[in-house]
């Protein structure tokens, strides 16, 4: 684990601490980072699922790809 010096907005940190139910700055920052990463992963999973559903329903015309090369 890396040790990093950060300048943090104290008001925002206090609000995040309350929202996350954490008790230390370290725990608050770690929890916030985890939430951002998990949220990003979930959005990507949903996007992939949506694309797969579109493909399964014939929403992509792969047979026309050759036309794009001309």
N, C-alpha and C. Protein backbone atom coordinates (compact mmCIF):
# COMPACT_ATOMS: atom_id res chain seq x y z
N UNK A 1 0.85 -1.17 0.00
CA UNK A 1 0.00 0.00 0.00
C UNK A 1 0.90 1.23 0.00
N UNK A 2 0.53 2.20 -0.82
CA UNK A 2 1.32 3.43 -0.94
C UNK A 2 0.86 4.45 0.09
N UNK A 3 1.80 5.20 0.59
CA UNK A 3 1.49 6.31 1.48
C UNK A 3 1.55 7.58 0.64
N UNK A 4 0.46 8.36 0.65
CA UNK A 4 0.34 9.52 -0.21
C UNK A 4 -0.17 10.71 0.58
N UNK A 5 0.43 11.84 0.35
CA UNK A 5 -0.02 13.08 0.98
C UNK A 5 -1.05 13.72 0.06
N UNK A 6 -2.25 14.01 0.61
CA UNK A 6 -3.33 14.58 -0.18
C UNK A 6 -3.85 15.85 0.47
N UNK A 7 -4.19 16.83 -0.36
CA UNK A 7 -4.92 18.00 0.10
C UNK A 7 -6.40 17.70 -0.14
N UNK A 8 -7.17 17.64 0.95
CA UNK A 8 -8.57 17.27 0.83
C UNK A 8 -9.46 18.42 1.28
N UNK A 9 -10.60 18.52 0.62
CA UNK A 9 -11.62 19.47 1.03
C UNK A 9 -12.22 18.94 2.33
N UNK A 10 -11.98 19.62 3.43
CA UNK A 10 -12.41 19.13 4.74
C UNK A 10 -13.93 19.00 4.86
N UNK A 11 -14.66 19.93 4.25
CA UNK A 11 -16.13 19.86 4.30
C UNK A 11 -16.63 18.64 3.53
N UNK A 12 -16.05 18.42 2.37
CA UNK A 12 -16.43 17.26 1.55
C UNK A 12 -16.04 15.96 2.25
N UNK A 13 -14.88 15.96 2.87
CA UNK A 13 -14.44 14.78 3.60
C UNK A 13 -15.39 14.48 4.76
N UNK A 14 -15.80 15.51 5.48
CA UNK A 14 -16.74 15.32 6.60
C UNK A 14 -18.07 14.77 6.10
N UNK A 15 -18.53 15.30 4.97
CA UNK A 15 -19.80 14.82 4.41
C UNK A 15 -19.67 13.37 3.96
N UNK A 16 -18.55 13.03 3.33
CA UNK A 16 -18.32 11.65 2.88
C UNK A 16 -18.21 10.72 4.09
N UNK A 17 -17.56 11.17 5.15
CA UNK A 17 -17.42 10.36 6.36
C UNK A 17 -18.79 10.02 6.93
N UNK A 18 -19.66 11.03 6.99
CA UNK A 18 -21.01 10.80 7.50
C UNK A 18 -21.80 9.88 6.57
N UNK A 19 -21.70 10.11 5.28
CA UNK A 19 -22.45 9.31 4.31
C UNK A 19 -22.00 7.85 4.31
N UNK A 20 -20.71 7.65 4.48
CA UNK A 20 -20.16 6.29 4.41
C UNK A 20 -20.15 5.60 5.78
N UNK A 21 -20.33 6.37 6.83
CA UNK A 21 -20.30 5.79 8.17
C UNK A 21 -18.93 5.36 8.61
N UNK A 22 -17.91 6.02 8.08
CA UNK A 22 -16.54 5.69 8.45
C UNK A 22 -16.08 6.59 9.59
N UNK A 23 -14.94 6.24 10.19
CA UNK A 23 -14.50 7.01 11.35
C UNK A 23 -13.13 7.66 11.17
N UNK A 24 -12.39 7.24 10.16
CA UNK A 24 -11.08 7.85 9.92
C UNK A 24 -10.99 8.35 8.49
N UNK A 25 -10.05 9.27 8.28
CA UNK A 25 -9.84 9.79 6.92
C UNK A 25 -9.43 8.66 5.99
N UNK A 26 -8.54 7.81 6.46
CA UNK A 26 -8.08 6.69 5.65
C UNK A 26 -9.24 5.79 5.25
N UNK A 27 -10.09 5.43 6.21
CA UNK A 27 -11.23 4.57 5.91
C UNK A 27 -12.20 5.25 4.95
N UNK A 28 -12.39 6.57 5.12
CA UNK A 28 -13.31 7.31 4.26
C UNK A 28 -12.81 7.31 2.82
N UNK A 29 -11.54 7.62 2.64
CA UNK A 29 -10.97 7.67 1.28
C UNK A 29 -11.01 6.28 0.66
N UNK A 30 -10.66 5.26 1.42
CA UNK A 30 -10.67 3.89 0.89
C UNK A 30 -12.09 3.46 0.50
N UNK A 31 -13.07 3.77 1.35
CA UNK A 31 -14.45 3.41 1.06
C UNK A 31 -14.97 4.15 -0.17
N UNK A 32 -14.62 5.42 -0.27
CA UNK A 32 -15.06 6.21 -1.43
C UNK A 32 -14.45 5.66 -2.71
N UNK A 33 -13.17 5.31 -2.68
CA UNK A 33 -12.52 4.73 -3.85
C UNK A 33 -13.17 3.41 -4.24
N UNK A 34 -13.47 2.58 -3.23
CA UNK A 34 -14.13 1.30 -3.50
C UNK A 34 -15.48 1.52 -4.17
N UNK A 35 -16.25 2.47 -3.66
CA UNK A 35 -17.57 2.74 -4.24
C UNK A 35 -17.46 3.20 -5.69
N UNK A 36 -16.50 4.06 -5.97
CA UNK A 36 -16.33 4.55 -7.35
C UNK A 36 -15.96 3.41 -8.28
N UNK A 37 -15.04 2.57 -7.86
CA UNK A 37 -14.60 1.45 -8.70
C UNK A 37 -15.74 0.45 -8.90
N UNK A 38 -16.47 0.13 -7.83
CA UNK A 38 -17.59 -0.81 -7.95
C UNK A 38 -18.68 -0.25 -8.86
N UNK A 39 -18.95 1.04 -8.73
CA UNK A 39 -19.95 1.68 -9.58
C UNK A 39 -19.53 1.64 -11.05
N UNK A 40 -18.27 1.93 -11.30
CA UNK A 40 -17.75 1.90 -12.67
C UNK A 40 -17.83 0.49 -13.25
N UNK A 41 -17.46 -0.50 -12.46
CA UNK A 41 -17.52 -1.90 -12.92
C UNK A 41 -18.96 -2.30 -13.24
N UNK A 42 -19.90 -1.88 -12.39
CA UNK A 42 -21.30 -2.22 -12.61
C UNK A 42 -21.83 -1.56 -13.88
N UNK A 43 -21.46 -0.30 -14.12
CA UNK A 43 -21.89 0.38 -15.36
C UNK A 43 -21.36 -0.35 -16.58
N UNK A 44 -20.10 -0.78 -16.53
CA UNK A 44 -19.53 -1.51 -17.66
C UNK A 44 -20.21 -2.86 -17.85
N UNK A 45 -20.53 -3.55 -16.74
CA UNK A 45 -21.25 -4.84 -16.83
C UNK A 45 -22.61 -4.64 -17.49
N UNK A 46 -23.34 -3.60 -17.05
CA UNK A 46 -24.66 -3.32 -17.63
C UNK A 46 -24.55 -2.97 -19.10
N UNK A 47 -23.55 -2.17 -19.47
CA UNK A 47 -23.37 -1.79 -20.87
C UNK A 47 -23.09 -3.02 -21.72
N UNK A 48 -22.25 -3.91 -21.23
CA UNK A 48 -21.95 -5.13 -21.97
C UNK A 48 -23.20 -6.00 -22.11
N UNK A 49 -23.97 -6.12 -21.04
CA UNK A 49 -25.22 -6.88 -21.10
C UNK A 49 -26.16 -6.28 -22.13
N UNK A 50 -26.28 -4.95 -22.11
CA UNK A 50 -27.15 -4.27 -23.09
C UNK A 50 -26.68 -4.54 -24.52
N UNK A 51 -25.37 -4.45 -24.75
CA UNK A 51 -24.85 -4.72 -26.09
C UNK A 51 -25.09 -6.16 -26.51
N UNK A 52 -24.95 -7.08 -25.57
CA UNK A 52 -25.19 -8.49 -25.89
C UNK A 52 -26.66 -8.72 -26.26
N UNK A 53 -27.56 -8.06 -25.53
CA UNK A 53 -28.99 -8.19 -25.84
C UNK A 53 -29.31 -7.61 -27.22
N UNK A 54 -28.72 -6.46 -27.52
CA UNK A 54 -28.94 -5.84 -28.83
C UNK A 54 -28.43 -6.77 -29.94
N UNK A 55 -27.25 -7.35 -29.72
CA UNK A 55 -26.69 -8.27 -30.72
C UNK A 55 -27.57 -9.50 -30.87
N UNK A 56 -28.05 -10.05 -29.75
CA UNK A 56 -28.91 -11.24 -29.80
C UNK A 56 -30.22 -10.96 -30.54
N UNK A 57 -30.67 -9.72 -30.48
CA UNK A 57 -31.92 -9.34 -31.15
C UNK A 57 -31.69 -8.90 -32.60
N UNK A 58 -30.45 -9.03 -33.08
CA UNK A 58 -30.14 -8.68 -34.46
C UNK A 58 -29.90 -7.21 -34.70
N UNK A 59 -29.56 -6.50 -33.66
CA UNK A 59 -29.38 -5.06 -33.76
C UNK A 59 -28.12 -4.63 -34.48
N UNK A 60 -27.20 -5.53 -34.69
CA UNK A 60 -25.97 -5.20 -35.40
C UNK A 60 -25.96 -5.95 -36.73
N UNK A 61 -25.50 -5.29 -37.75
CA UNK A 61 -25.46 -5.89 -39.08
C UNK A 61 -24.00 -6.14 -39.48
N UNK A 62 -23.45 -7.21 -38.92
CA UNK A 62 -22.05 -7.53 -39.16
C UNK A 62 -21.78 -7.85 -40.62
N UNK A 63 -22.80 -8.30 -41.35
CA UNK A 63 -22.62 -8.65 -42.75
C UNK A 63 -22.35 -7.40 -43.59
N UNK A 64 -22.58 -6.22 -43.05
CA UNK A 64 -22.35 -4.98 -43.78
C UNK A 64 -20.98 -4.37 -43.50
N UNK A 65 -20.16 -5.02 -42.69
CA UNK A 65 -18.84 -4.48 -42.36
C UNK A 65 -17.97 -4.30 -43.60
N UNK A 66 -18.09 -5.21 -44.56
CA UNK A 66 -17.29 -5.10 -45.77
C UNK A 66 -17.60 -3.81 -46.52
N UNK A 67 -18.82 -3.33 -46.46
CA UNK A 67 -19.20 -2.09 -47.12
C UNK A 67 -18.45 -0.89 -46.54
N UNK A 68 -18.10 -0.96 -45.28
CA UNK A 68 -17.40 0.15 -44.64
C UNK A 68 -15.95 0.27 -45.12
N UNK A 69 -15.39 -0.83 -45.56
CA UNK A 69 -14.00 -0.84 -46.03
C UNK A 69 -13.86 -0.26 -47.44
N UNK A 70 -14.95 -0.06 -48.12
CA UNK A 70 -14.88 0.41 -49.53
C UNK A 70 -14.84 1.91 -49.59
